[in-house]
C-alpha cells in the first residue's frame, strides 16, 4: 500500500496555542514529580533504599513510576491534541 506525498503547504494550525499551553502544563506537572525524586535523593538518600513493594526499593519503584507516568502523559497529550486539532482545524485529512 502506498501513500500520497505529503502536502507542501500545511496551512495554519489553529490548535497550536492550545497544544503548546497543555504541553507546558504537563511538562510542569512531570517536572514537579521528578523534582520530588531528586529532592528525596538529595535530602534523604537512605529513604530510597527502603523496600516499598514486594522487596523492591523506593528508588526502583519511583524510577519506573516516572517512566510509566511519562508514557501515560504522552498518550493523554496526544489524545488532547488530536481532539483539539479535529475541532479547531475542521477535522482530519484522509
N, C-alpha and C. Protein backbone atom coordinates (compact mmCIF):
# COMPACT_ATOMS: atom_id res chain seq x y z
N UNK A 1 0.84 -1.17 0.00
CA UNK A 1 0.00 0.00 0.00
C UNK A 1 0.89 1.24 0.00
N UNK A 2 0.62 2.15 -0.90
CA UNK A 2 1.40 3.38 -1.00
C UNK A 2 0.57 4.55 -0.50
N UNK A 3 1.26 5.56 -0.08
CA UNK A 3 0.57 6.78 0.33
C UNK A 3 0.99 7.91 -0.59
N UNK A 4 0.17 8.94 -0.60
CA UNK A 4 0.46 10.09 -1.43
C UNK A 4 1.54 10.95 -0.77
N UNK A 5 2.21 11.76 -1.56
CA UNK A 5 3.23 12.64 -0.97
C UNK A 5 2.60 13.61 0.03
N UNK A 6 3.39 14.02 1.00
CA UNK A 6 2.91 14.99 1.98
C UNK A 6 2.63 16.32 1.29
N UNK A 7 1.62 17.03 1.74
CA UNK A 7 1.33 18.33 1.11
C UNK A 7 2.47 19.31 1.38
N UNK A 8 2.75 20.15 0.41
CA UNK A 8 3.82 21.13 0.56
C UNK A 8 3.40 22.25 1.53
N UNK A 9 2.14 22.57 1.53
CA UNK A 9 1.63 23.65 2.37
C UNK A 9 0.64 23.06 3.36
N UNK A 10 1.00 23.11 4.66
CA UNK A 10 0.13 22.53 5.68
C UNK A 10 -0.94 23.51 6.15
N UNK A 11 -0.72 24.76 6.01
CA UNK A 11 -1.69 25.76 6.44
C UNK A 11 -1.53 26.07 7.92
N UNK A 12 -2.43 26.92 8.40
CA UNK A 12 -2.39 27.37 9.79
C UNK A 12 -2.92 26.30 10.72
N UNK A 13 -2.23 26.10 11.83
CA UNK A 13 -2.70 25.18 12.86
C UNK A 13 -3.36 26.01 13.95
N UNK A 14 -4.68 26.04 13.94
CA UNK A 14 -5.41 26.86 14.92
C UNK A 14 -5.32 26.30 16.33
N UNK A 15 -4.89 25.07 16.46
CA UNK A 15 -4.79 24.44 17.78
C UNK A 15 -3.39 24.58 18.38
N UNK A 16 -2.50 25.29 17.72
CA UNK A 16 -1.10 25.37 18.16
C UNK A 16 -0.98 25.96 19.56
N UNK A 17 -1.71 27.03 19.85
CA UNK A 17 -1.63 27.66 21.17
C UNK A 17 -2.14 26.71 22.26
N UNK A 18 -3.25 26.04 21.98
CA UNK A 18 -3.82 25.07 22.92
C UNK A 18 -2.81 23.95 23.20
N UNK A 19 -2.20 23.43 22.14
CA UNK A 19 -1.24 22.33 22.29
C UNK A 19 0.00 22.78 23.06
N UNK A 20 0.49 23.97 22.77
CA UNK A 20 1.67 24.48 23.46
C UNK A 20 1.38 24.68 24.95
N UNK A 21 0.24 25.28 25.25
CA UNK A 21 -0.12 25.54 26.65
C UNK A 21 -0.25 24.23 27.42
N UNK A 22 -0.95 23.27 26.86
CA UNK A 22 -1.13 21.99 27.55
C UNK A 22 0.17 21.20 27.64
N UNK A 23 1.01 21.31 26.64
CA UNK A 23 2.31 20.66 26.71
C UNK A 23 3.15 21.23 27.84
N UNK A 24 3.11 22.54 28.01
CA UNK A 24 3.86 23.16 29.10
C UNK A 24 3.28 22.79 30.46
N UNK A 25 1.97 22.69 30.56
CA UNK A 25 1.34 22.28 31.83
C UNK A 25 1.76 20.86 32.19
N UNK A 26 1.67 19.95 31.23
CA UNK A 26 2.06 18.57 31.50
C UNK A 26 3.55 18.47 31.83
N UNK A 27 4.37 19.25 31.14
CA UNK A 27 5.80 19.29 31.44
C UNK A 27 6.03 19.78 32.86
N UNK A 28 5.29 20.81 33.27
CA UNK A 28 5.42 21.33 34.63
C UNK A 28 5.03 20.31 35.68
N UNK A 29 3.93 19.59 35.45
CA UNK A 29 3.50 18.56 36.39
C UNK A 29 4.56 17.47 36.50
N UNK A 30 5.06 17.02 35.37
CA UNK A 30 6.09 15.97 35.38
C UNK A 30 7.35 16.47 36.07
N UNK A 31 7.72 17.72 35.80
CA UNK A 31 8.93 18.28 36.42
C UNK A 31 8.81 18.33 37.93
N UNK A 32 7.64 18.68 38.45
CA UNK A 32 7.44 18.72 39.90
C UNK A 32 7.57 17.32 40.51
N UNK A 33 7.01 16.33 39.84
CA UNK A 33 7.11 14.95 40.34
C UNK A 33 8.56 14.48 40.29
N UNK A 34 9.25 14.82 39.21
CA UNK A 34 10.68 14.47 39.11
C UNK A 34 11.49 15.21 40.16
N UNK A 35 11.14 16.46 40.42
CA UNK A 35 11.82 17.23 41.46
C UNK A 35 11.70 16.52 42.81
N UNK A 36 10.54 15.92 43.07
CA UNK A 36 10.38 15.14 44.30
C UNK A 36 11.40 14.01 44.37
N UNK A 37 11.61 13.32 43.27
CA UNK A 37 12.60 12.24 43.20
C UNK A 37 14.00 12.76 43.51
N UNK A 38 14.35 13.89 42.91
CA UNK A 38 15.67 14.48 43.12
C UNK A 38 15.83 14.94 44.56
N UNK A 39 14.80 15.58 45.11
CA UNK A 39 14.89 16.07 46.48
C UNK A 39 15.00 14.94 47.50
N UNK A 40 14.29 13.85 47.27
CA UNK A 40 14.43 12.71 48.17
C UNK A 40 15.86 12.20 48.15
N UNK A 41 16.44 12.11 46.96
CA UNK A 41 17.83 11.66 46.84
C UNK A 41 18.80 12.64 47.48
N UNK A 42 18.49 13.91 47.43
CA UNK A 42 19.37 14.93 47.98
C UNK A 42 19.25 15.02 49.50
N UNK A 43 18.02 15.04 50.01
CA UNK A 43 17.78 15.27 51.43
C UNK A 43 17.88 13.98 52.26
N UNK A 44 17.32 12.90 51.72
CA UNK A 44 17.28 11.66 52.48
C UNK A 44 17.55 10.45 51.58
N UNK A 45 18.80 10.29 51.15
CA UNK A 45 19.09 9.19 50.22
C UNK A 45 18.80 7.81 50.80
N UNK A 46 18.86 7.67 52.12
CA UNK A 46 18.56 6.39 52.73
C UNK A 46 17.12 5.96 52.53
N UNK A 47 16.24 6.94 52.36
CA UNK A 47 14.83 6.63 52.12
C UNK A 47 14.64 5.86 50.81
N UNK A 48 15.48 6.14 49.82
CA UNK A 48 15.38 5.45 48.54
C UNK A 48 15.73 3.97 48.67
N UNK A 49 16.44 3.59 49.71
CA UNK A 49 16.82 2.19 49.90
C UNK A 49 15.73 1.38 50.60
N UNK A 50 14.72 2.05 51.13
CA UNK A 50 13.64 1.34 51.84
C UNK A 50 12.81 0.52 50.87
N UNK A 51 12.48 -0.69 51.28
CA UNK A 51 11.63 -1.56 50.47
C UNK A 51 10.18 -1.09 50.59
N UNK A 52 9.52 -0.97 49.45
CA UNK A 52 8.14 -0.47 49.46
C UNK A 52 7.14 -1.46 48.88
N UNK A 53 7.48 -2.15 47.83
CA UNK A 53 6.55 -3.08 47.18
C UNK A 53 7.30 -4.36 46.84
N UNK A 54 6.90 -5.45 47.44
CA UNK A 54 7.44 -6.77 47.11
C UNK A 54 8.95 -6.86 47.18
N UNK A 55 9.57 -6.19 48.13
CA UNK A 55 11.01 -6.26 48.27
C UNK A 55 11.78 -5.33 47.35
N UNK A 56 11.08 -4.51 46.59
CA UNK A 56 11.73 -3.57 45.67
C UNK A 56 11.84 -2.22 46.38
N UNK A 57 13.00 -1.59 46.25
CA UNK A 57 13.18 -0.33 46.97
C UNK A 57 12.49 0.85 46.28
N UNK A 58 12.37 1.94 47.05
CA UNK A 58 11.66 3.13 46.57
C UNK A 58 12.30 3.71 45.31
N UNK A 59 13.62 3.66 45.22
CA UNK A 59 14.30 4.22 44.05
C UNK A 59 13.83 3.54 42.76
N UNK A 60 13.73 2.23 42.78
CA UNK A 60 13.30 1.49 41.58
C UNK A 60 11.82 1.75 41.30
N UNK A 61 11.00 1.71 42.33
CA UNK A 61 9.56 1.93 42.14
C UNK A 61 9.31 3.34 41.63
N UNK A 62 9.95 4.34 42.23
CA UNK A 62 9.78 5.72 41.82
C UNK A 62 10.29 5.92 40.39
N UNK A 63 11.44 5.33 40.08
CA UNK A 63 12.01 5.45 38.74
C UNK A 63 11.11 4.85 37.67
N UNK A 64 10.63 3.63 37.92
CA UNK A 64 9.70 3.03 36.95
C UNK A 64 8.40 3.81 36.89
N UNK A 65 7.98 4.35 38.02
CA UNK A 65 6.78 5.19 38.04
C UNK A 65 6.95 6.41 37.17
N UNK A 66 8.12 7.03 37.21
CA UNK A 66 8.39 8.19 36.36
C UNK A 66 8.34 7.82 34.88
N UNK A 67 8.90 6.68 34.54
CA UNK A 67 8.86 6.23 33.14
C UNK A 67 7.44 5.97 32.70
N UNK A 68 6.69 5.25 33.52
CA UNK A 68 5.29 4.96 33.20
C UNK A 68 4.46 6.23 33.11
N UNK A 69 4.69 7.17 34.03
CA UNK A 69 3.98 8.44 34.00
C UNK A 69 4.26 9.20 32.71
N UNK A 70 5.51 9.20 32.26
CA UNK A 70 5.86 9.89 31.01
C UNK A 70 5.11 9.29 29.83
N UNK A 71 5.00 7.98 29.79
CA UNK A 71 4.27 7.32 28.70
C UNK A 71 2.79 7.66 28.76
N UNK A 72 2.21 7.58 29.96
CA UNK A 72 0.78 7.89 30.13
C UNK A 72 0.50 9.34 29.76
N UNK A 73 1.35 10.24 30.22
CA UNK A 73 1.15 11.66 29.90
C UNK A 73 1.30 11.92 28.41
N UNK A 74 2.19 11.20 27.74
CA UNK A 74 2.33 11.33 26.30
C UNK A 74 1.08 10.89 25.56
N UNK A 75 0.49 9.80 26.01
CA UNK A 75 -0.75 9.31 25.38
C UNK A 75 -1.89 10.30 25.62
N UNK A 76 -1.98 10.82 26.84
CA UNK A 76 -3.02 11.82 27.16
C UNK A 76 -2.82 13.07 26.31
N UNK A 77 -1.57 13.54 26.21
CA UNK A 77 -1.28 14.73 25.42
C UNK A 77 -1.65 14.52 23.95
N UNK A 78 -1.32 13.36 23.43
CA UNK A 78 -1.65 13.05 22.03
C UNK A 78 -3.16 13.06 21.82
N UNK A 79 -3.90 12.46 22.74
CA UNK A 79 -5.36 12.43 22.61
C UNK A 79 -5.95 13.84 22.69
N UNK A 80 -5.44 14.64 23.62
CA UNK A 80 -5.92 16.02 23.75
C UNK A 80 -5.64 16.82 22.49
N UNK A 81 -4.44 16.68 21.95
CA UNK A 81 -4.05 17.43 20.76
C UNK A 81 -4.84 16.98 19.53
N UNK A 82 -5.03 15.69 19.40
CA UNK A 82 -5.80 15.18 18.26
C UNK A 82 -7.22 15.71 18.29
N UNK A 83 -7.84 15.68 19.48
CA UNK A 83 -9.21 16.18 19.61
C UNK A 83 -9.25 17.68 19.29
N UNK A 84 -8.28 18.44 19.81
CA UNK A 84 -8.26 19.89 19.56
C UNK A 84 -8.04 20.19 18.08
N UNK A 85 -7.15 19.45 17.44
CA UNK A 85 -6.92 19.67 16.01
C UNK A 85 -8.17 19.37 15.20
N UNK A 86 -8.85 18.29 15.54
CA UNK A 86 -10.08 17.94 14.82
C UNK A 86 -11.14 19.03 14.98
N UNK A 87 -11.27 19.58 16.18
CA UNK A 87 -12.28 20.60 16.44
C UNK A 87 -11.91 21.96 15.84
N UNK A 88 -10.66 22.35 16.00
CA UNK A 88 -10.25 23.70 15.60
C UNK A 88 -9.81 23.81 14.16
N UNK A 89 -9.35 22.73 13.58
CA UNK A 89 -8.87 22.79 12.20
C UNK A 89 -9.85 22.18 11.21
N UNK A 90 -11.01 21.80 11.66
CA UNK A 90 -12.04 21.32 10.75
C UNK A 90 -11.93 19.85 10.39
N UNK A 91 -11.48 19.00 11.29
CA UNK A 91 -11.45 17.57 11.04
C UNK A 91 -10.12 17.08 10.54
N UNK A 92 -10.03 15.78 10.36
CA UNK A 92 -8.79 15.17 9.94
C UNK A 92 -8.76 15.02 8.43
N UNK A 93 -7.58 15.06 7.88
CA UNK A 93 -7.41 14.82 6.45
C UNK A 93 -7.26 13.32 6.23
N UNK A 94 -7.80 12.84 5.13
CA UNK A 94 -7.71 11.41 4.85
C UNK A 94 -6.69 11.14 3.77
